[in-house]
Full PDB file with SEQRES, HELIX, SHEET, SSBOND, CRYST1, ORIGX, SCALE, CONECT and MASTER records, all heavy atoms in Angstrom:
SEQRES   1 A   41  ILE ALA ARG ALA LEU ALA THR ASP PRO GLU VAL LEU LEU          
SEQRES   2 A   41  CYS ASP GLU GLY THR SER ALA LEU ASP PRO LYS THR THR          
SEQRES   3 A   41  ARG ALA ILE LEU ALA LEU LEU LYS ARG ILE ASN ARG GLU          
SEQRES   4 A   41  LEU GLY                                                      
HELIX    1 AA1 ALA A    2  LEU A    5  1                                   4    
HELIX    2 AA2 PRO A   23  LEU A   40  1                                  18    
CRYST1    1.000    1.000    1.000  90.00  90.00  90.00 P 1           1          
ORIGX1      1.000000  0.000000  0.000000        0.00000                         
ORIGX2      0.000000  1.000000  0.000000        0.00000                         
ORIGX3      0.000000  0.000000  1.000000        0.00000                         
SCALE1      1.000000  0.000000  0.000000        0.00000                         
SCALE2      0.000000  1.000000  0.000000        0.00000                         
SCALE3      0.000000  0.000000  1.000000        0.00000                         
ATOM      1  N   ILE A   1      81.893  58.771  99.949  1.00  0.00           N  
ATOM      2  CA  ILE A   1      80.456  58.625  99.697  1.00  0.00           C  
ATOM      3  C   ILE A   1      80.090  57.143  99.628  1.00  0.00           C  
ATOM      4  O   ILE A   1      79.098  56.706 100.229  1.00  0.00           O  
ATOM      5  CB  ILE A   1      80.070  59.358  98.400  1.00  0.00           C  
ATOM      6  CG1 ILE A   1      80.177  60.874  98.597  1.00  0.00           C  
ATOM      7  CG2 ILE A   1      78.646  58.972  97.969  1.00  0.00           C  
ATOM      8  CD1 ILE A   1      80.053  61.676  97.310  1.00  0.00           C  
ATOM      9  N   ALA A   2      80.880  56.353  98.907  1.00  0.00           N  
ATOM     10  CA  ALA A   2      80.612  54.919  98.817  1.00  0.00           C  
ATOM     11  C   ALA A   2      80.662  54.266 100.193  1.00  0.00           C  
ATOM     12  O   ALA A   2      79.816  53.417 100.517  1.00  0.00           O  
ATOM     13  CB  ALA A   2      81.618  54.262  97.865  1.00  0.00           C  
ATOM     14  N   ARG A   3      81.640  54.646 101.004  1.00  0.00           N  
ATOM     15  CA  ARG A   3      81.741  54.090 102.361  1.00  0.00           C  
ATOM     16  C   ARG A   3      80.498  54.442 103.181  1.00  0.00           C  
ATOM     17  O   ARG A   3      79.964  53.615 103.929  1.00  0.00           O  
ATOM     18  CB  ARG A   3      82.996  54.617 103.059  1.00  0.00           C  
ATOM     19  CG  ARG A   3      83.210  54.076 104.469  1.00  0.00           C  
ATOM     20  CD  ARG A   3      84.406  54.718 105.126  1.00  0.00           C  
ATOM     21  NE  ARG A   3      84.250  56.171 105.192  1.00  0.00           N  
ATOM     22  CZ  ARG A   3      85.219  57.011 105.551  1.00  0.00           C  
ATOM     23  NH1 ARG A   3      86.425  56.526 105.853  1.00  0.00           N  
ATOM     24  NH2 ARG A   3      85.003  58.302 105.589  1.00  0.00           N  
ATOM     25  N   ALA A   4      80.030  55.694 103.055  1.00  0.00           N  
ATOM     26  CA  ALA A   4      78.840  56.121 103.788  1.00  0.00           C  
ATOM     27  C   ALA A   4      77.598  55.354 103.352  1.00  0.00           C  
ATOM     28  O   ALA A   4      76.654  55.189 104.130  1.00  0.00           O  
ATOM     29  CB  ALA A   4      78.632  57.621 103.607  1.00  0.00           C  
ATOM     30  N   LEU A   5      77.581  54.893 102.095  1.00  0.00           N  
ATOM     31  CA  LEU A   5      76.431  54.162 101.565  1.00  0.00           C  
ATOM     32  C   LEU A   5      76.488  52.665 101.876  1.00  0.00           C  
ATOM     33  O   LEU A   5      75.512  51.951 101.632  1.00  0.00           O  
ATOM     34  CB  LEU A   5      76.349  54.355 100.053  1.00  0.00           C  
ATOM     35  CG  LEU A   5      76.064  55.773  99.547  1.00  0.00           C  
ATOM     36  CD1 LEU A   5      76.146  55.808  98.025  1.00  0.00           C  
ATOM     37  CD2 LEU A   5      74.706  56.264 100.022  1.00  0.00           C  
ATOM     38  N   ALA A   6      77.605  52.202 102.415  1.00  0.00           N  
ATOM     39  CA  ALA A   6      77.812  50.758 102.581  1.00  0.00           C  
ATOM     40  C   ALA A   6      76.773  50.120 103.498  1.00  0.00           C  
ATOM     41  O   ALA A   6      76.402  48.958 103.310  1.00  0.00           O  
ATOM     42  CB  ALA A   6      79.223  50.482 103.102  1.00  0.00           C  
ATOM     43  N   THR A   7      76.303  50.852 104.485  1.00  0.00           N  
ATOM     44  CA  THR A   7      75.347  50.289 105.442  1.00  0.00           C  
ATOM     45  C   THR A   7      73.891  50.539 105.038  1.00  0.00           C  
ATOM     46  O   THR A   7      72.974  50.407 105.853  1.00  0.00           O  
ATOM     47  CB  THR A   7      75.591  50.862 106.847  1.00  0.00           C  
ATOM     48  OG1 THR A   7      75.513  52.296 106.793  1.00  0.00           O  
ATOM     49  CG2 THR A   7      76.962  50.456 107.372  1.00  0.00           C  
ATOM     50  N   ASP A   8      73.677  50.925 103.782  1.00  0.00           N  
ATOM     51  CA  ASP A   8      72.330  51.197 103.253  1.00  0.00           C  
ATOM     52  C   ASP A   8      71.590  52.245 104.081  1.00  0.00           C  
ATOM     53  O   ASP A   8      70.481  51.999 104.586  1.00  0.00           O  
ATOM     54  CB  ASP A   8      71.502  49.907 103.179  1.00  0.00           C  
ATOM     55  CG  ASP A   8      72.077  48.904 102.193  1.00  0.00           C  
ATOM     56  OD1 ASP A   8      72.492  49.331 101.098  1.00  0.00           O  
ATOM     57  OD2 ASP A   8      72.121  47.711 102.522  1.00  0.00           O  
ATOM     58  N   PRO A   9      72.169  53.441 104.223  1.00  0.00           N  
ATOM     59  CA  PRO A   9      71.516  54.474 105.033  1.00  0.00           C  
ATOM     60  C   PRO A   9      70.263  55.011 104.350  1.00  0.00           C  
ATOM     61  O   PRO A   9      70.091  54.903 103.130  1.00  0.00           O  
ATOM     62  CB  PRO A   9      72.586  55.559 105.136  1.00  0.00           C  
ATOM     63  CG  PRO A   9      73.359  55.425 103.856  1.00  0.00           C  
ATOM     64  CD  PRO A   9      73.405  53.940 103.600  1.00  0.00           C  
ATOM     65  N   GLU A  10      69.396  55.602 105.152  1.00  0.00           N  
ATOM     66  CA  GLU A  10      68.215  56.292 104.635  1.00  0.00           C  
ATOM     67  C   GLU A  10      68.476  57.785 104.492  1.00  0.00           C  
ATOM     68  O   GLU A  10      67.753  58.484 103.789  1.00  0.00           O  
ATOM     69  CB  GLU A  10      67.028  56.054 105.563  1.00  0.00           C  
ATOM     70  CG  GLU A  10      66.633  54.590 105.659  1.00  0.00           C  
ATOM     71  CD  GLU A  10      65.595  54.328 106.728  1.00  0.00           C  
ATOM     72  OE1 GLU A  10      65.525  55.082 107.711  1.00  0.00           O  
ATOM     73  OE2 GLU A  10      64.844  53.347 106.573  1.00  0.00           O  
ATOM     74  N   VAL A  11      69.518  58.258 105.195  1.00  0.00           N  
ATOM     75  CA  VAL A  11      69.891  59.676 105.194  1.00  0.00           C  
ATOM     76  C   VAL A  11      71.397  59.775 104.988  1.00  0.00           C  
ATOM     77  O   VAL A  11      72.160  58.972 105.543  1.00  0.00           O  
ATOM     78  CB  VAL A  11      69.506  60.364 106.521  1.00  0.00           C  
ATOM     79  CG1 VAL A  11      69.952  61.829 106.527  1.00  0.00           C  
ATOM     80  CG2 VAL A  11      68.013  60.264 106.770  1.00  0.00           C  
ATOM     81  N   LEU A  12      71.820  60.751 104.204  1.00  0.00           N  
ATOM     82  CA  LEU A  12      73.241  61.039 104.028  1.00  0.00           C  
ATOM     83  C   LEU A  12      73.498  62.459 104.511  1.00  0.00           C  
ATOM     84  O   LEU A  12      72.939  63.422 103.980  1.00  0.00           O  
ATOM     85  CB  LEU A  12      73.625  60.891 102.556  1.00  0.00           C  
ATOM     86  CG  LEU A  12      75.118  60.919 102.202  1.00  0.00           C  
ATOM     87  CD1 LEU A  12      75.866  59.810 102.926  1.00  0.00           C  
ATOM     88  CD2 LEU A  12      75.312  60.801 100.698  1.00  0.00           C  
ATOM     89  N   LEU A  13      74.314  62.597 105.557  1.00  0.00           N  
ATOM     90  CA  LEU A  13      74.674  63.896 106.117  1.00  0.00           C  
ATOM     91  C   LEU A  13      76.013  64.313 105.529  1.00  0.00           C  
ATOM     92  O   LEU A  13      77.013  63.611 105.698  1.00  0.00           O  
ATOM     93  CB  LEU A  13      74.771  63.808 107.651  1.00  0.00           C  
ATOM     94  CG  LEU A  13      73.541  63.261 108.379  1.00  0.00           C  
ATOM     95  CD1 LEU A  13      73.827  63.128 109.877  1.00  0.00           C  
ATOM     96  CD2 LEU A  13      72.320  64.137 108.142  1.00  0.00           C  
ATOM     97  N   CYS A  14      76.042  65.449 104.841  1.00  0.00           N  
ATOM     98  CA  CYS A  14      77.244  65.906 104.152  1.00  0.00           C  
ATOM     99  C   CYS A  14      77.723  67.205 104.784  1.00  0.00           C  
ATOM    100  O   CYS A  14      77.108  68.266 104.576  1.00  0.00           O  
ATOM    101  CB  CYS A  14      76.961  66.139 102.666  1.00  0.00           C  
ATOM    102  SG  CYS A  14      76.199  64.744 101.826  1.00  0.00           S  
ATOM    103  N   ASP A  15      78.797  67.127 105.541  1.00  0.00           N  
ATOM    104  CA  ASP A  15      79.317  68.299 106.245  1.00  0.00           C  
ATOM    105  C   ASP A  15      80.427  68.941 105.414  1.00  0.00           C  
ATOM    106  O   ASP A  15      81.561  68.486 105.427  1.00  0.00           O  
ATOM    107  CB  ASP A  15      79.830  67.894 107.627  1.00  0.00           C  
ATOM    108  CG  ASP A  15      80.148  69.094 108.510  1.00  0.00           C  
ATOM    109  OD1 ASP A  15      79.943  70.247 108.050  1.00  0.00           O  
ATOM    110  OD2 ASP A  15      80.594  68.903 109.647  1.00  0.00           O  
ATOM    111  N   GLU A  16      80.083  69.987 104.661  1.00  0.00           N  
ATOM    112  CA  GLU A  16      81.035  70.690 103.793  1.00  0.00           C  
ATOM    113  C   GLU A  16      81.732  69.714 102.848  1.00  0.00           C  
ATOM    114  O   GLU A  16      82.946  69.780 102.628  1.00  0.00           O  
ATOM    115  CB  GLU A  16      82.062  71.463 104.629  1.00  0.00           C  
ATOM    116  CG  GLU A  16      81.473  72.580 105.488  1.00  0.00           C  
ATOM    117  CD  GLU A  16      81.203  73.857 104.701  1.00  0.00           C  
ATOM    118  OE1 GLU A  16      81.319  73.831 103.464  1.00  0.00           O  
ATOM    119  OE2 GLU A  16      80.877  74.871 105.337  1.00  0.00           O  
ATOM    120  N   GLY A  17      80.939  68.814 102.264  1.00  0.00           N  
ATOM    121  CA  GLY A  17      81.504  67.734 101.464  1.00  0.00           C  
ATOM    122  C   GLY A  17      82.185  68.161 100.177  1.00  0.00           C  
ATOM    123  O   GLY A  17      82.896  67.359  99.571  1.00  0.00           O  
ATOM    124  N   THR A  18      81.974  69.412  99.730  1.00  0.00           N  
ATOM    125  CA  THR A  18      82.619  69.868  98.492  1.00  0.00           C  
ATOM    126  C   THR A  18      83.581  71.027  98.719  1.00  0.00           C  
ATOM    127  O   THR A  18      84.170  71.531  97.757  1.00  0.00           O  
ATOM    128  CB  THR A  18      81.554  70.307  97.459  1.00  0.00           C  
ATOM    129  OG1 THR A  18      80.775  71.374  97.998  1.00  0.00           O  
ATOM    130  CG2 THR A  18      80.638  69.146  97.097  1.00  0.00           C  
ATOM    131  N   SER A  19      83.749  71.448  99.958  1.00  0.00           N  
ATOM    132  CA  SER A  19      84.532  72.664 100.221  1.00  0.00           C  
ATOM    133  C   SER A  19      86.011  72.533  99.865  1.00  0.00           C  
ATOM    134  O   SER A  19      86.667  73.531  99.576  1.00  0.00           O  
ATOM    135  CB  SER A  19      84.399  73.065 101.697  1.00  0.00           C  
ATOM    136  OG  SER A  19      83.070  73.436 101.978  1.00  0.00           O  
ATOM    137  N   ALA A  20      86.526  71.305  99.884  1.00  0.00           N  
ATOM    138  CA  ALA A  20      87.942  71.105  99.583  1.00  0.00           C  
ATOM    139  C   ALA A  20      88.193  70.827  98.103  1.00  0.00           C  
ATOM    140  O   ALA A  20      89.319  70.514  97.716  1.00  0.00           O  
ATOM    141  CB  ALA A  20      88.486  69.948 100.432  1.00  0.00           C  
ATOM    142  N   LEU A  21      87.162  70.962  97.272  1.00  0.00           N  
ATOM    143  CA  LEU A  21      87.258  70.566  95.875  1.00  0.00           C  
ATOM    144  C   LEU A  21      87.206  71.771  94.950  1.00  0.00           C  
ATOM    145  O   LEU A  21      86.620  72.802  95.269  1.00  0.00           O  
ATOM    146  CB  LEU A  21      86.102  69.615  95.531  1.00  0.00           C  
ATOM    147  CG  LEU A  21      85.945  68.385  96.441  1.00  0.00           C  
ATOM    148  CD1 LEU A  21      84.718  67.589  96.026  1.00  0.00           C  
ATOM    149  CD2 LEU A  21      87.198  67.508  96.409  1.00  0.00           C  
ATOM    150  N   ASP A  22      87.805  71.626  93.763  1.00  0.00           N  
ATOM    151  CA  ASP A  22      87.744  72.692  92.762  1.00  0.00           C  
ATOM    152  C   ASP A  22      86.350  72.711  92.133  1.00  0.00           C  
ATOM    153  O   ASP A  22      85.577  71.751  92.280  1.00  0.00           O  
ATOM    154  CB  ASP A  22      88.821  72.482  91.695  1.00  0.00           C  
ATOM    155  CG  ASP A  22      88.628  71.182  90.926  1.00  0.00           C  
ATOM    156  OD1 ASP A  22      87.708  71.115  90.082  1.00  0.00           O  
ATOM    157  OD2 ASP A  22      89.379  70.221  91.175  1.00  0.00           O  
ATOM    158  N   PRO A  23      85.985  73.805  91.432  1.00  0.00           N  
ATOM    159  CA  PRO A  23      84.620  73.932  90.905  1.00  0.00           C  
ATOM    160  C   PRO A  23      84.172  72.789  90.001  1.00  0.00           C  
ATOM    161  O   PRO A  23      83.030  72.329  90.098  1.00  0.00           O  
ATOM    162  CB  PRO A  23      84.671  75.266  90.152  1.00  0.00           C  
ATOM    163  CG  PRO A  23      85.719  76.059  90.869  1.00  0.00           C  
ATOM    164  CD  PRO A  23      86.761  75.055  91.259  1.00  0.00           C  
ATOM    165  N   LYS A  24      85.042  72.327  89.102  1.00  0.00           N  
ATOM    166  CA  LYS A  24      84.657  71.249  88.194  1.00  0.00           C  
ATOM    167  C   LYS A  24      84.379  69.960  88.960  1.00  0.00           C  
ATOM    168  O   LYS A  24      83.381  69.262  88.702  1.00  0.00           O  
ATOM    169  CB  LYS A  24      85.767  71.016  87.158  1.00  0.00           C  
ATOM    170  CG  LYS A  24      85.429  69.927  86.147  1.00  0.00           C  
ATOM    171  CD  LYS A  24      86.551  69.761  85.122  1.00  0.00           C  
ATOM    172  CE  LYS A  24      86.220  68.651  84.121  1.00  0.00           C  
ATOM    173  NZ  LYS A  24      87.306  68.474  83.128  1.00  0.00           N  
ATOM    174  N   THR A  25      85.246  69.651  89.919  1.00  0.00           N  
ATOM    175  CA  THR A  25      85.057  68.442  90.719  1.00  0.00           C  
ATOM    176  C   THR A  25      83.822  68.567  91.604  1.00  0.00           C  
ATOM    177  O   THR A  25      83.084  67.597  91.798  1.00  0.00           O  
ATOM    178  CB  THR A  25      86.305  68.179  91.582  1.00  0.00           C  
ATOM    179  OG1 THR A  25      87.452  68.130  90.736  1.00  0.00           O  
ATOM    180  CG2 THR A  25      86.188  66.873  92.334  1.00  0.00           C  
ATOM    181  N   THR A  26      83.579  69.769  92.128  1.00  0.00           N  
ATOM    182  CA  THR A  26      82.378  70.009  92.923  1.00  0.00           C  
ATOM    183  C   THR A  26      81.128  69.695  92.119  1.00  0.00           C  
ATOM    184  O   THR A  26      80.203  69.028  92.605  1.00  0.00           O  
ATOM    185  CB  THR A  26      82.336  71.477  93.406  1.00  0.00           C  
ATOM    186  OG1 THR A  26      83.378  71.677  94.367  1.00  0.00           O  
ATOM    187  CG2 THR A  26      80.993  71.806  94.050  1.00  0.00           C  
ATOM    188  N   ARG A  27      81.074  70.149  90.872  1.00  0.00           N  
ATOM    189  CA  ARG A  27      79.905  69.877  90.031  1.00  0.00           C  
ATOM    190  C   ARG A  27      79.704  68.376  89.832  1.00  0.00           C  
ATOM    191  O   ARG A  27      78.569  67.879  89.834  1.00  0.00           O  
ATOM    192  CB  ARG A  27      80.050  70.588  88.678  1.00  0.00           C  
ATOM    193  CG  ARG A  27      79.897  72.107  88.769  1.00  0.00           C  
ATOM    194  CD  ARG A  27      79.753  72.732  87.390  1.00  0.00           C  
ATOM    195  NE  ARG A  27      80.963  72.588  86.580  1.00  0.00           N  
ATOM    196  CZ  ARG A  27      81.963  73.449  86.583  1.00  0.00           C  
ATOM    197  NH1 ARG A  27      81.928  74.524  87.368  1.00  0.00           N  
ATOM    198  NH2 ARG A  27      83.018  73.259  85.803  1.00  0.00           N  
ATOM    199  N   ALA A  28      80.796  67.648  89.666  1.00  0.00           N  
ATOM    200  CA  ALA A  28      80.702  66.200  89.465  1.00  0.00           C  
ATOM    201  C   ALA A  28      80.191  65.499  90.726  1.00  0.00           C  
ATOM    202  O   ALA A  28      79.363  64.585  90.651  1.00  0.00           O  
ATOM    203  CB  ALA A  28      82.063  65.638  89.054  1.00  0.00           C  
ATOM    204  N   ILE A  29      80.676  65.932  91.892  1.00  0.00           N  
ATOM    205  CA  ILE A  29      80.231  65.332  93.148  1.00  0.00           C  
ATOM    206  C   ILE A  29      78.758  65.653  93.402  1.00  0.00           C  
ATOM    207  O   ILE A  29      77.978  64.797  93.844  1.00  0.00           O  
ATOM    208  CB  ILE A  29      81.111  65.804  94.324  1.00  0.00           C  
ATOM    209  CG1 ILE A  29      82.530  65.245  94.183  1.00  0.00           C  
ATOM    210  CG2 ILE A  29      80.497  65.391  95.668  1.00  0.00           C  
ATOM    211  CD1 ILE A  29      82.636  63.731  94.236  1.00  0.00           C  
ATOM    212  N   LEU A  30      78.344  66.878  93.105  1.00  0.00           N  
ATOM    213  CA  LEU A  30      76.939  67.250  93.279  1.00  0.00           C  
ATOM    214  C   LEU A  30      76.042  66.443  92.349  1.00  0.00           C  
ATOM    215  O   LEU A  30      74.942  66.021  92.736  1.00  0.00           O  
ATOM    216  CB  LEU A  30      76.747  68.746  93.049  1.00  0.00           C  
ATOM    217  CG  LEU A  30      77.418  69.676  94.074  1.00  0.00           C  
ATOM    218  CD1 LEU A  30      77.175  71.135  93.700  1.00  0.00           C  
ATOM    219  CD2 LEU A  30      76.923  69.394  95.483  1.00  0.00           C  
ATOM    220  N   ALA A  31      76.503  66.207  91.127  1.00  0.00           N  
ATOM    221  CA  ALA A  31      75.734  65.376  90.196  1.00  0.00           C  
ATOM    222  C   ALA A  31      75.586  63.956  90.735  1.00  0.00           C  
ATOM    223  O   ALA A  31      74.524  63.330  90.606  1.00  0.00           O  
ATOM    224  CB  ALA A  31      76.410  65.369  88.829  1.00  0.00           C  
ATOM    225  N   LEU A  32      76.652  63.443  91.358  1.00  0.00           N  
ATOM    226  CA  LEU A  32      76.594  62.109  91.953  1.00  0.00           C  
ATOM    227  C   LEU A  32      75.591  62.079  93.109  1.00  0.00           C  
ATOM    228  O   LEU A  32      74.788  61.138  93.226  1.00  0.00           O  
ATOM    229  CB  LEU A  32      77.984  61.696  92.447  1.00  0.00           C  
ATOM    230  CG  LEU A  32      78.069  60.380  93.241  1.00  0.00           C  
ATOM    231  CD1 LEU A  32      77.582  59.210  92.402  1.00  0.00           C  
ATOM    232  CD2 LEU A  32      79.496  60.145  93.722  1.00  0.00           C  
ATOM    233  N   LEU A  33      75.607  63.103  93.948  1.00  0.00           N  
ATOM    234  CA  LEU A  33      74.666  63.152  95.073  1.00  0.00           C  
ATOM    235  C   LEU A  33      73.224  63.236  94.581  1.00  0.00           C  
ATOM    236  O   LEU A  33      72.321  62.598  95.150  1.00  0.00           O  
ATOM    237  CB  LEU A  33      74.998  64.332  95.988  1.00  0.00           C  
ATOM    238  CG  LEU A  33      76.307  64.216  96.773  1.00  0.00           C  
ATOM    239  CD1 LEU A  33      76.595  65.516  97.526  1.00  0.00           C  
ATOM    240  CD2 LEU A  33      76.266  63.038  97.746  1.00  0.00           C  
ATOM    241  N   LYS A  34      72.988  64.016  93.538  1.00  0.00           N  
ATOM    242  CA  LYS A  34      71.641  64.095  92.971  1.00  0.00           C  
ATOM    243  C   LYS A  34      71.193  62.729  92.435  1.00  0.00           C  
ATOM    244  O   LYS A  34      70.026  62.341  92.595  1.00  0.00           O  
ATOM    245  CB  LYS A  34      71.599  65.141  91.853  1.00  0.00           C  
ATOM    246  CG  LYS A  34      71.686  66.566  92.340  1.00  0.00           C  
ATOM    247  CD  LYS A  34      71.706  67.567  91.192  1.00  0.00           C  
ATOM    248  CE  LYS A  34      70.343  67.733  90.568  1.00  0.00           C  
ATOM    249  NZ  LYS A  34      70.324  68.860  89.589  1.00  0.00           N  
ATOM    250  N   ARG A  35      72.116  62.020  91.823  1.00  0.00           N  
ATOM    251  CA  ARG A  35      71.797  60.689  91.317  1.00  0.00           C  
ATOM    252  C   ARG A  35      71.466  59.732  92.453  1.00  0.00           C  
ATOM    253  O   ARG A  35      70.511  58.944  92.367  1.00  0.00           O  
ATOM    254  CB  ARG A  35      72.976  60.169  90.497  1.00  0.00           C  
ATOM    255  CG  ARG A  35      72.765  58.786  89.905  1.00  0.00           C  
ATOM    256  CD  ARG A  35      74.010  58.306  89.181  1.00  0.00           C  
ATOM    257  NE  ARG A  35      73.917  56.900  88.847  1.00  0.00           N  
ATOM    258  CZ  ARG A  35      74.960  56.128  88.586  1.00  0.00           C  
ATOM    259  NH1 ARG A  35      76.177  56.632  88.597  1.00  0.00           N  
ATOM    260  NH2 ARG A  35      74.786  54.845  88.297  1.00  0.00           N  
ATOM    261  N   ILE A  36      72.234  59.803  93.529  1.00  0.00           N  
ATOM    262  CA  ILE A  36      71.984  58.949  94.703  1.00  0.00           C  
ATOM    263  C   ILE A  36      70.610  59.254  95.288  1.00  0.00           C  
ATOM    264  O   ILE A  36      69.845  58.340  95.639  1.00  0.00           O  
ATOM    265  CB  ILE A  36      73.094  59.166  95.745  1.00  0.00           C  
ATOM    266  CG1 ILE A  36      74.399  58.524  95.261  1.00  0.00           C  
ATOM    267  CG2 ILE A  36      72.694  58.603  97.115  1.00  0.00           C  
ATOM    268  CD1 ILE A  36      75.620  58.934  96.048  1.00  0.00           C  
ATOM    269  N   ASN A  37      70.275  60.530  95.391  1.00  0.00           N  
ATOM    270  CA  ASN A  37      68.963  60.930  95.894  1.00  0.00           C  
ATOM    271  C   ASN A  37      67.847  60.406  94.981  1.00  0.00           C  
ATOM    272  O   ASN A  37      66.840  59.866  95.455  1.00  0.00           O  
ATOM    273  CB  ASN A  37      68.906  62.448  95.998  1.00  0.00           C  
ATOM    274  CG  ASN A  37      67.524  62.984  96.304  1.00  0.00           C  
ATOM    275  OD1 ASN A  37      66.843  63.478  95.410  1.00  0.00           O  
ATOM    276  ND2 ASN A  37      67.095  62.895  97.553  1.00  0.00           N  
ATOM    277  N   ARG A  38      68.036  60.544  93.694  1.00  0.00           N  
ATOM    278  CA  ARG A  38      66.998  60.173  92.732  1.00  0.00           C  
ATOM    279  C   ARG A  38      66.851  58.655  92.608  1.00  0.00           C  
ATOM    280  O   ARG A  38      65.733  58.122  92.646  1.00  0.00           O  
ATOM    281  CB  ARG A  38      67.349  60.771  91.369  1.00  0.00           C  
ATOM    282  CG  ARG A  38      66.325  60.487  90.284  1.00  0.00           C  
ATOM    283  CD  ARG A  38      66.712  61.148  88.969  1.00  0.00           C  
ATOM    284  NE  ARG A  38      67.942  60.597  88.402  1.00  0.00           N  
ATOM    285  CZ  ARG A  38      69.112  61.240  88.367  1.00  0.00           C  
ATOM    286  NH1 ARG A  38      69.227  62.459  88.874  1.00  0.00           N  
ATOM    287  NH2 ARG A  38      70.184  60.671  87.845  1.00  0.00           N  
ATOM    288  N   GLU A  39      67.973  57.930  92.484  1.00  0.00           N  
ATOM    289  CA  GLU A  39      67.906  56.501  92.194  1.00  0.00           C  
ATOM    290  C   GLU A  39      67.765  55.644  93.445  1.00  0.00           C  
ATOM    291  O   GLU A  39      67.121  54.586  93.397  1.00  0.00           O  
ATOM    292  CB  GLU A  39      69.156  56.077  91.417  1.00  0.00           C  
ATOM    293  CG  GLU A  39      69.256  56.718  90.036  1.00  0.00           C  
ATOM    294  CD  GLU A  39      70.466  56.237  89.251  1.00  0.00           C  
ATOM    295  OE1 GLU A  39      71.186  55.335  89.738  1.00  0.00           O  
ATOM    296  OE2 GLU A  39      70.694  56.755  88.141  1.00  0.00           O  
ATOM    297  N   LEU A  40      68.349  56.081  94.552  1.00  0.00           N  
ATOM    298  CA  LEU A  40      68.294  55.284  95.781  1.00  0.00           C  
ATOM    299  C   LEU A  40      67.272  55.812  96.778  1.00  0.00           C  
ATOM    300  O   LEU A  40      66.997  55.166  97.787  1.00  0.00           O  
ATOM    301  CB  LEU A  40      69.683  55.229  96.439  1.00  0.00           C  
ATOM    302  CG  LEU A  40      70.833  54.695  95.574  1.00  0.00           C  
ATOM    303  CD1 LEU A  40      72.120  54.637  96.387  1.00  0.00           C  
ATOM    304  CD2 LEU A  40      70.490  53.320  95.008  1.00  0.00           C  
ATOM    305  N   GLY A  41      66.719  56.999  96.513  1.00  0.00           N  
ATOM    306  CA  GLY A  41      65.717  57.570  97.408  1.00  0.00           C  
ATOM    307  C   GLY A  41      66.264  58.006  98.754  1.00  0.00           C  
ATOM    308  O   GLY A  41      65.518  58.091  99.734  1.00  0.00           O  
TER     309      GLY A  41                                                      
MASTER        0    0    0    2    0    0    0    6  308    1    0    4          
END                                                                             
């Protein structure tokens, strides 16, 4: 995710970005994505 943000994108395309993760980790990654959407627009 940090690498994808390095070029200051306006859009983040996530192709099954949580499918390889356990439920607890998935929730943490989704919370991070929500924060990125909210704080970085």
